[in-house]
Amino acid sequence: MDTTVTPDTYVRMGMRVQKIINSPTAQKARAALIFRLPEEPVDEWERLLEEIDENDNVTLAYRDDGGVQIFWVVPKED
């Protein structure tokens, strides 16, 4: 029996990051600072960052302390 926790770990990590991004403070600033938790696999963290980076209007800035700053712009409606 395969007891891989990978999808579950990835989903939990995604939900955690989404909560940070959706917080009122981050929404107001249009920026969020995220860090990988020690129990989160590096490859899944990098996969998540790649998926975030694929979005238009999003910029990732990698910091020396291991954090990743996410900035986004909200496109103006015509």
PDB file of N, CA and C in Angstrom:
ATOM      1  N   MET A   1       0.839  -1.198   0.000  1.00  0.00           N
ATOM      2  CA  MET A   1       0.000   0.000   0.000  1.00  0.00           C
ATOM      3  C   MET A   1       0.880   1.256   0.000  1.00  0.00           C
ATOM      4  N   ASP A   2       0.546   2.181  -0.855  1.00  0.00           N
ATOM      5  CA  ASP A   2       1.331   3.410  -0.972  1.00  0.00           C
ATOM      6  C   ASP A   2       0.806   4.443   0.030  1.00  0.00           C
ATOM      7  N   THR A   3       1.667   4.910   0.919  1.00  0.00           N
ATOM      8  CA  THR A   3       1.242   5.866   1.945  1.00  0.00           C
ATOM      9  C   THR A   3       1.832   7.251   1.704  1.00  0.00           C
ATOM     10  N   THR A   4       2.016   7.621   0.441  1.00  0.00           N
ATOM     11  CA  THR A   4       2.566   8.936   0.100  1.00  0.00           C
ATOM     12  C   THR A   4       1.604  10.031   0.563  1.00  0.00           C
ATOM     13  N   VAL A   5       2.139  11.040   1.234  1.00  0.00           N
ATOM     14  CA  VAL A   5       1.310  12.154   1.709  1.00  0.00           C
ATOM     15  C   VAL A   5       1.422  13.364   0.792  1.00  0.00           C
ATOM     16  N   THR A   6       2.103  13.203  -0.328  1.00  0.00           N
ATOM     17  CA  THR A   6       2.412  14.334  -1.197  1.00  0.00           C
ATOM     18  C   THR A   6       1.202  15.181  -1.605  1.00  0.00           C
ATOM     19  N   PRO A   7       0.151  14.611  -2.200  1.00  0.00           N
ATOM     20  CA  PRO A   7      -0.955  15.483  -2.622  1.00  0.00           C
ATOM     21  C   PRO A   7      -1.541  16.240  -1.442  1.00  0.00           C
ATOM     22  N   ASP A   8      -1.698  15.556  -0.321  1.00  0.00           N
ATOM     23  CA  ASP A   8      -2.266  16.167   0.871  1.00  0.00           C
ATOM     24  C   ASP A   8      -1.391  17.308   1.375  1.00  0.00           C
ATOM     25  N   THR A   9      -0.097  17.082   1.418  1.00  0.00           N
ATOM     26  CA  THR A   9       0.842  18.103   1.860  1.00  0.00           C
ATOM     27  C   THR A   9       0.767  19.312   0.936  1.00  0.00           C
ATOM     28  N   TYR A  10       0.719  19.043  -0.359  1.00  0.00           N
ATOM     29  CA  TYR A  10       0.664  20.119  -1.347  1.00  0.00           C
ATOM     30  C   TYR A  10      -0.613  20.930  -1.206  1.00  0.00           C
ATOM     31  N   VAL A  11      -1.738  20.229  -1.018  1.00  0.00           N
ATOM     32  CA  VAL A  11      -3.028  20.913  -0.856  1.00  0.00           C
ATOM     33  C   VAL A  11      -3.021  21.781   0.406  1.00  0.00           C
ATOM     34  N   ARG A  12      -2.499  21.234   1.504  1.00  0.00           N
ATOM     35  CA  ARG A  12      -2.446  22.010   2.755  1.00  0.00           C
ATOM     36  C   ARG A  12      -1.554  23.227   2.612  1.00  0.00           C
ATOM     37  N   MET A  13      -0.428  23.055   1.928  1.00  0.00           N
ATOM     38  CA  MET A  13       0.494  24.165   1.699  1.00  0.00           C
ATOM     39  C   MET A  13      -0.196  25.235   0.855  1.00  0.00           C
ATOM     40  N   GLY A  14      -0.877  24.824  -0.195  1.00  0.00           N
ATOM     41  CA  GLY A  14      -1.600  25.765  -1.046  1.00  0.00           C
ATOM     42  C   GLY A  14      -2.661  26.528  -0.283  1.00  0.00           C
ATOM     43  N   MET A  15      -3.391  25.826   0.584  1.00  0.00           N
ATOM     44  CA  MET A  15      -4.434  26.481   1.382  1.00  0.00           C
ATOM     45  C   MET A  15      -3.828  27.481   2.362  1.00  0.00           C
ATOM     46  N   ARG A  16      -2.683  27.120   2.941  1.00  0.00           N
ATOM     47  CA  ARG A  16      -2.012  28.007   3.904  1.00  0.00           C
ATOM     48  C   ARG A  16      -1.561  29.294   3.210  1.00  0.00           C
ATOM     49  N   VAL A  17      -0.957  29.148   2.030  1.00  0.00           N
ATOM     50  CA  VAL A  17      -0.470  30.316   1.284  1.00  0.00           C
ATOM     51  C   VAL A  17      -1.648  31.165   0.805  1.00  0.00           C
ATOM     52  N   GLN A  18      -2.708  30.503   0.364  1.00  0.00           N
ATOM     53  CA  GLN A  18      -3.900  31.224  -0.098  1.00  0.00           C
ATOM     54  C   GLN A  18      -4.506  32.065   1.030  1.00  0.00           C
ATOM     55  N   LYS A  19      -4.496  31.518   2.236  1.00  0.00           N
ATOM     56  CA  LYS A  19      -5.031  32.238   3.399  1.00  0.00           C
ATOM     57  C   LYS A  19      -4.222  33.515   3.647  1.00  0.00           C
ATOM     58  N   ILE A  20      -2.896  33.411   3.506  1.00  0.00           N
ATOM     59  CA  ILE A  20      -2.021  34.574   3.700  1.00  0.00           C
ATOM     60  C   ILE A  20      -2.312  35.626   2.631  1.00  0.00           C
ATOM     61  N   ILE A  21      -2.408  35.177   1.375  1.00  0.00           N
ATOM     62  CA  ILE A  21      -2.655  36.091   0.260  1.00  0.00           C
ATOM     63  C   ILE A  21      -4.033  36.747   0.368  1.00  0.00           C
ATOM     64  N   ASN A  22      -5.017  36.004   0.862  1.00  0.00           N
ATOM     65  CA  ASN A  22      -6.385  36.519   0.952  1.00  0.00           C
ATOM     66  C   ASN A  22      -6.650  37.334   2.215  1.00  0.00           C
ATOM     67  N   SER A  23      -5.663  37.435   3.097  1.00  0.00           N
ATOM     68  CA  SER A  23      -5.870  38.207   4.322  1.00  0.00           C
ATOM     69  C   SER A  23      -6.117  39.671   3.973  1.00  0.00           C
ATOM     70  N   PRO A  24      -6.927  40.354   4.766  1.00  0.00           N
ATOM     71  CA  PRO A  24      -7.227  41.775   4.476  1.00  0.00           C
ATOM     72  C   PRO A  24      -5.972  42.641   4.355  1.00  0.00           C
ATOM     73  N   THR A  25      -4.985  42.390   5.188  1.00  0.00           N
ATOM     74  CA  THR A  25      -3.744  43.173   5.145  1.00  0.00           C
ATOM     75  C   THR A  25      -3.042  42.996   3.806  1.00  0.00           C
ATOM     76  N   ALA A  26      -2.919  41.738   3.366  1.00  0.00           N
ATOM     77  CA  ALA A  26      -2.252  41.467   2.090  1.00  0.00           C
ATOM     78  C   ALA A  26      -3.052  42.038   0.929  1.00  0.00           C
ATOM     79  N   GLN A  27      -4.369  41.900   0.980  1.00  0.00           N
ATOM     80  CA  GLN A  27      -5.205  42.420  -0.101  1.00  0.00           C
ATOM     81  C   GLN A  27      -5.084  43.932  -0.211  1.00  0.00           C
ATOM     82  N   LYS A  28      -5.035  44.608   0.912  1.00  0.00           N
ATOM     83  CA  LYS A  28      -4.908  46.060   0.918  1.00  0.00           C
ATOM     84  C   LYS A  28      -3.558  46.487   0.343  1.00  0.00           C
ATOM     85  N   ALA A  29      -2.498  45.764   0.724  1.00  0.00           N
ATOM     86  CA  ALA A  29      -1.144  46.099   0.275  1.00  0.00           C
ATOM     87  C   ALA A  29      -0.858  45.541  -1.122  1.00  0.00           C
ATOM     88  N   ARG A  30      -1.708  44.599  -1.572  1.00  0.00           N
ATOM     89  CA  ARG A  30      -1.463  43.845  -2.809  1.00  0.00           C
ATOM     90  C   ARG A  30      -0.081  43.208  -2.780  1.00  0.00           C
ATOM     91  N   ALA A  31       0.263  42.691  -1.586  1.00  0.00           N
ATOM     92  CA  ALA A  31       1.546  42.031  -1.387  1.00  0.00           C
ATOM     93  C   ALA A  31       1.433  41.073  -0.211  1.00  0.00           C
ATOM     94  N   ALA A  32       2.207  40.008  -0.263  1.00  0.00           N
ATOM     95  CA  ALA A  32       2.234  39.047   0.837  1.00  0.00           C
ATOM     96  C   ALA A  32       3.628  38.448   0.932  1.00  0.00           C
ATOM     97  N   LEU A  33       4.025  38.131   2.155  1.00  0.00           N
ATOM     98  CA  LEU A  33       5.317  37.499   2.388  1.00  0.00           C
ATOM     99  C   LEU A  33       5.044  36.073   2.856  1.00  0.00           C
ATOM    100  N   ILE A  34       5.613  35.112   2.127  1.00  0.00           N
ATOM    101  CA  ILE A  34       5.391  33.717   2.504  1.00  0.00           C
ATOM    102  C   ILE A  34       6.731  33.018   2.737  1.00  0.00           C
ATOM    103  N   PHE A  35       6.686  32.033   3.618  1.00  0.00           N
ATOM    104  CA  PHE A  35       7.855  31.220   3.933  1.00  0.00           C
ATOM    105  C   PHE A  35       7.452  29.756   3.854  1.00  0.00           C
ATOM    106  N   ARG A  36       8.381  28.922   3.443  1.00  0.00           N
ATOM    107  CA  ARG A  36       8.144  27.481   3.464  1.00  0.00           C
ATOM    108  C   ARG A  36       8.327  26.998   4.894  1.00  0.00           C
ATOM    109  N   LEU A  37       7.392  26.181   5.368  1.00  0.00           N
ATOM    110  CA  LEU A  37       7.524  25.599   6.702  1.00  0.00           C
ATOM    111  C   LEU A  37       8.509  24.429   6.635  1.00  0.00           C
ATOM    112  N   PRO A  38       9.200  24.156   7.752  1.00  0.00           N
ATOM    113  CA  PRO A  38      10.217  23.092   7.759  1.00  0.00           C
ATOM    114  C   PRO A  38       9.683  21.732   7.289  1.00  0.00           C
ATOM    115  N   GLU A  39       8.421  21.429   7.578  1.00  0.00           N
ATOM    116  CA  GLU A  39       7.874  20.125   7.194  1.00  0.00           C
ATOM    117  C   GLU A  39       7.380  20.076   5.745  1.00  0.00           C
ATOM    118  N   GLU A  40       7.420  21.196   5.054  1.00  0.00           N
ATOM    119  CA  GLU A  40       6.951  21.226   3.664  1.00  0.00           C
ATOM    120  C   GLU A  40       8.106  20.902   2.714  1.00  0.00           C
ATOM    121  N   PRO A  41       7.912  19.906   1.836  1.00  0.00           N
ATOM    122  CA  PRO A  41       8.993  19.515   0.914  1.00  0.00           C
ATOM    123  C   PRO A  41       9.385  20.648  -0.032  1.00  0.00           C
ATOM    124  N   VAL A  42      10.681  20.794  -0.248  1.00  0.00           N
ATOM    125  CA  VAL A  42      11.213  21.861  -1.092  1.00  0.00           C
ATOM    126  C   VAL A  42      10.658  21.781  -2.517  1.00  0.00           C
ATOM    127  N   ASP A  43      10.580  20.559  -3.074  1.00  0.00           N
ATOM    128  CA  ASP A  43      10.115  20.438  -4.460  1.00  0.00           C
ATOM    129  C   ASP A  43       8.655  20.869  -4.607  1.00  0.00           C
ATOM    130  N   GLU A  44       7.845  20.584  -3.603  1.00  0.00           N
ATOM    131  CA  GLU A  44       6.443  20.999  -3.665  1.00  0.00           C
ATOM    132  C   GLU A  44       6.313  22.507  -3.475  1.00  0.00           C
ATOM    133  N   TRP A  45       7.169  23.060  -2.627  1.00  0.00           N
ATOM    134  CA  TRP A  45       7.195  24.512  -2.419  1.00  0.00           C
ATOM    135  C   TRP A  45       7.540  25.206  -3.733  1.00  0.00           C
ATOM    136  N   GLU A  46       8.560  24.696  -4.430  1.00  0.00           N
ATOM    137  CA  GLU A  46       8.973  25.287  -5.698  1.00  0.00           C
ATOM    138  C   GLU A  46       7.878  25.147  -6.752  1.00  0.00           C
ATOM    139  N   ARG A  47       7.173  24.015  -6.733  1.00  0.00           N
ATOM    140  CA  ARG A  47       6.055  23.807  -7.662  1.00  0.00           C
ATOM    141  C   ARG A  47       4.949  24.837  -7.402  1.00  0.00           C
ATOM    142  N   LEU A  48       4.661  25.086  -6.129  1.00  0.00           N
ATOM    143  CA  LEU A  48       3.640  26.067  -5.764  1.00  0.00           C
ATOM    144  C   LEU A  48       4.043  27.463  -6.231  1.00  0.00           C
ATOM    145  N   LEU A  49       5.310  27.830  -6.016  1.00  0.00           N
ATOM    146  CA  LEU A  49       5.796  29.145  -6.442  1.00  0.00           C
ATOM    147  C   LEU A  49       5.722  29.289  -7.958  1.00  0.00           C
ATOM    148  N   GLU A  50       6.038  28.215  -8.681  1.00  0.00           N
ATOM    149  CA  GLU A  50       5.939  28.250 -10.145  1.00  0.00           C
ATOM    150  C   GLU A  50       4.502  28.504 -10.584  1.00  0.00           C
ATOM    151  N   GLU A  51       3.567  27.834  -9.911  1.00  0.00           N
ATOM    152  CA  GLU A  51       2.156  28.022 -10.267  1.00  0.00           C
ATOM    153  C   GLU A  51       1.692  29.443  -9.961  1.00  0.00           C
ATOM    154  N   ILE A  52       2.151  29.992  -8.853  1.00  0.00           N
ATOM    155  CA  ILE A  52       1.799  31.379  -8.513  1.00  0.00           C
ATOM    156  C   ILE A  52       2.393  32.324  -9.556  1.00  0.00           C
ATOM    157  N   ASP A  53       3.640  32.056  -9.937  1.00  0.00           N
ATOM    158  CA  ASP A  53       4.375  32.922 -10.861  1.00  0.00           C
ATOM    159  C   ASP A  53       3.779  32.904 -12.265  1.00  0.00           C
ATOM    160  N   GLU A  54       3.039  31.838 -12.618  1.00  0.00           N
ATOM    161  CA  GLU A  54       2.432  31.743 -13.943  1.00  0.00           C
ATOM    162  C   GLU A  54       1.274  32.729 -14.124  1.00  0.00           C
ATOM    163  N   ASN A  55       0.754  33.254 -13.025  1.00  0.00           N
ATOM    164  CA  ASN A  55      -0.359  34.193 -13.116  1.00  0.00           C
ATOM    165  C   ASN A  55       0.106  35.531 -13.675  1.00  0.00           C
ATOM    166  N   ASP A  56      -0.707  36.106 -14.548  1.00  0.00           N
ATOM    167  CA  ASP A  56      -0.417  37.449 -15.034  1.00  0.00           C
ATOM    168  C   ASP A  56      -0.554  38.410 -13.867  1.00  0.00           C
ATOM    169  N   ASN A  57       0.146  39.509 -13.919  1.00  0.00           N
ATOM    170  CA  ASN A  57       0.047  40.569 -12.918  1.00  0.00           C
ATOM    171  C   ASN A  57       0.625  40.182 -11.559  1.00  0.00           C
ATOM    172  N   VAL A  58       1.399  39.086 -11.497  1.00  0.00           N
ATOM    173  CA  VAL A  58       2.007  38.653 -10.234  1.00  0.00           C
ATOM    174  C   VAL A  58       3.524  38.670 -10.369  1.00  0.00           C
ATOM    175  N   THR A  59       4.197  39.189  -9.340  1.00  0.00           N
ATOM    176  CA  THR A  59       5.654  39.217  -9.306  1.00  0.00           C
ATOM    177  C   THR A  59       6.129  38.535  -8.028  1.00  0.00           C
ATOM    178  N   LEU A  60       7.129  37.679  -8.144  1.00  0.00           N
ATOM    179  CA  LEU A  60       7.730  37.047  -6.975  1.00  0.00           C
ATOM    180  C   LEU A  60       9.113  37.639  -6.748  1.00  0.00           C
ATOM    181  N   ALA A  61       9.427  37.935  -5.498  1.00  0.00           N
ATOM    182  CA  ALA A  61      10.756  38.427  -5.143  1.00  0.00           C
ATOM    183  C   ALA A  61      11.312  37.501  -4.059  1.00  0.00           C
ATOM    184  N   TYR A  62      12.429  36.846  -4.390  1.00  0.00           N
ATOM    185  CA  TYR A  62      13.051  35.915  -3.446  1.00  0.00           C
ATOM    186  C   TYR A  62      13.968  36.679  -2.512  1.00  0.00           C
ATOM    187  N   ARG A  63      13.772  36.480  -1.213  1.00  0.00           N
ATOM    188  CA  ARG A  63      14.549  37.214  -0.215  1.00  0.00           C
ATOM    189  C   ARG A  63      15.680  36.357   0.338  1.00  0.00           C
ATOM    190  N   ASP A  64      16.694  37.021   0.887  1.00  0.00           N
ATOM    191  CA  ASP A  64      17.851  36.321   1.450  1.00  0.00           C
ATOM    192  C   ASP A  64      17.484  35.446   2.645  1.00  0.00           C
ATOM    193  N   ASP A  65      16.413  35.799   3.340  1.00  0.00           N
ATOM    194  CA  ASP A  65      16.032  35.028   4.532  1.00  0.00           C
ATOM    195  C   ASP A  65      15.174  33.807   4.197  1.00  0.00           C
ATOM    196  N   GLY A  66      15.006  33.527   2.905  1.00  0.00           N
ATOM    197  CA  GLY A  66      14.235  32.352   2.516  1.00  0.00           C
ATOM    198  C   GLY A  66      12.779  32.659   2.223  1.00  0.00           C
ATOM    199  N   GLY A  67      12.345  33.853   2.556  1.00  0.00           N
ATOM    200  CA  GLY A  67      10.972  34.241   2.281  1.00  0.00           C
ATOM    201  C   GLY A  67      10.778  34.601   0.817  1.00  0.00           C
ATOM    202  N   VAL A  68       9.523  34.577   0.402  1.00  0.00           N
ATOM    203  CA  VAL A  68       9.190  34.988  -0.958  1.00  0.00           C
ATOM    204  C   VAL A  68       8.111  36.058  -0.851  1.00  0.00           C
ATOM    205  N   GLN A  69       8.405  37.223  -1.398  1.00  0.00           N
ATOM    206  CA  GLN A  69       7.448  38.326  -1.404  1.00  0.00           C
ATOM    207  C   GLN A  69       6.646  38.226  -2.693  1.00  0.00           C
ATOM    208  N   ILE A  70       5.330  38.226  -2.557  1.00  0.00           N
ATOM    209  CA  ILE A  70       4.447  38.180  -3.724  1.00  0.00           C
ATOM    210  C   ILE A  70       3.797  39.548  -3.862  1.00  0.00           C
ATOM    211  N   PHE A  71       3.890  40.102  -5.057  1.00  0.00           N
ATOM    212  CA  PHE A  71       3.235  41.378  -5.361  1.00  0.00           C
ATOM    213  C   PHE A  71       2.255  41.137  -6.494  1.00  0.00           C
ATOM    214  N   TRP A  72       1.131  41.810  -6.472  1.00  0.00           N
ATOM    215  CA  TRP A  72       0.217  41.687  -7.606  1.00  0.00           C
ATOM    216  C   TRP A  72      -0.475  43.006  -7.880  1.00  0.00           C
ATOM    217  N   VAL A  73      -0.889  43.164  -9.113  1.00  0.00           N
ATOM    218  CA  VAL A  73      -1.665  44.341  -9.502  1.00  0.00           C
ATOM    219  C   VAL A  73      -3.030  43.854  -9.949  1.00  0.00           C
ATOM    220  N   VAL A  74      -4.019  44.647  -9.662  1.00  0.00           N
ATOM    221  CA  VAL A  74      -5.381  44.328 -10.086  1.00  0.00           C
ATOM    222  C   VAL A  74      -5.628  45.106 -11.367  1.00  0.00           C
ATOM    223  N   PRO A  75      -5.853  44.400 -12.476  1.00  0.00           N
ATOM    224  CA  PRO A  75      -6.078  45.106 -13.745  1.00  0.00           C
ATOM    225  C   PRO A  75      -7.311  46.013 -13.664  1.00  0.00           C
ATOM    226  N   LYS A  76      -7.181  47.167 -14.258  1.00  0.00           N
ATOM    227  CA  LYS A  76      -8.322  48.098 -14.270  1.00  0.00           C
ATOM    228  C   LYS A  76      -9.396  47.594 -15.239  1.00  0.00           C
ATOM    229  N   GLU A  77     -10.632  47.716 -14.812  1.00  0.00           N
ATOM    230  CA  GLU A  77     -11.749  47.344 -15.683  1.00  0.00           C
ATOM    231  C   GLU A  77     -11.974  48.449 -16.693  1.00  0.00           C
ATOM    232  N   ASP A  78     -12.311  48.079 -17.908  1.00  0.00           N
ATOM    233  CA  ASP A  78     -12.592  49.094 -18.941  1.00  0.00           C
ATOM    234  C   ASP A  78     -13.923  49.788 -18.682  1.00  0.00           C
TER     235      ASP A  78
END
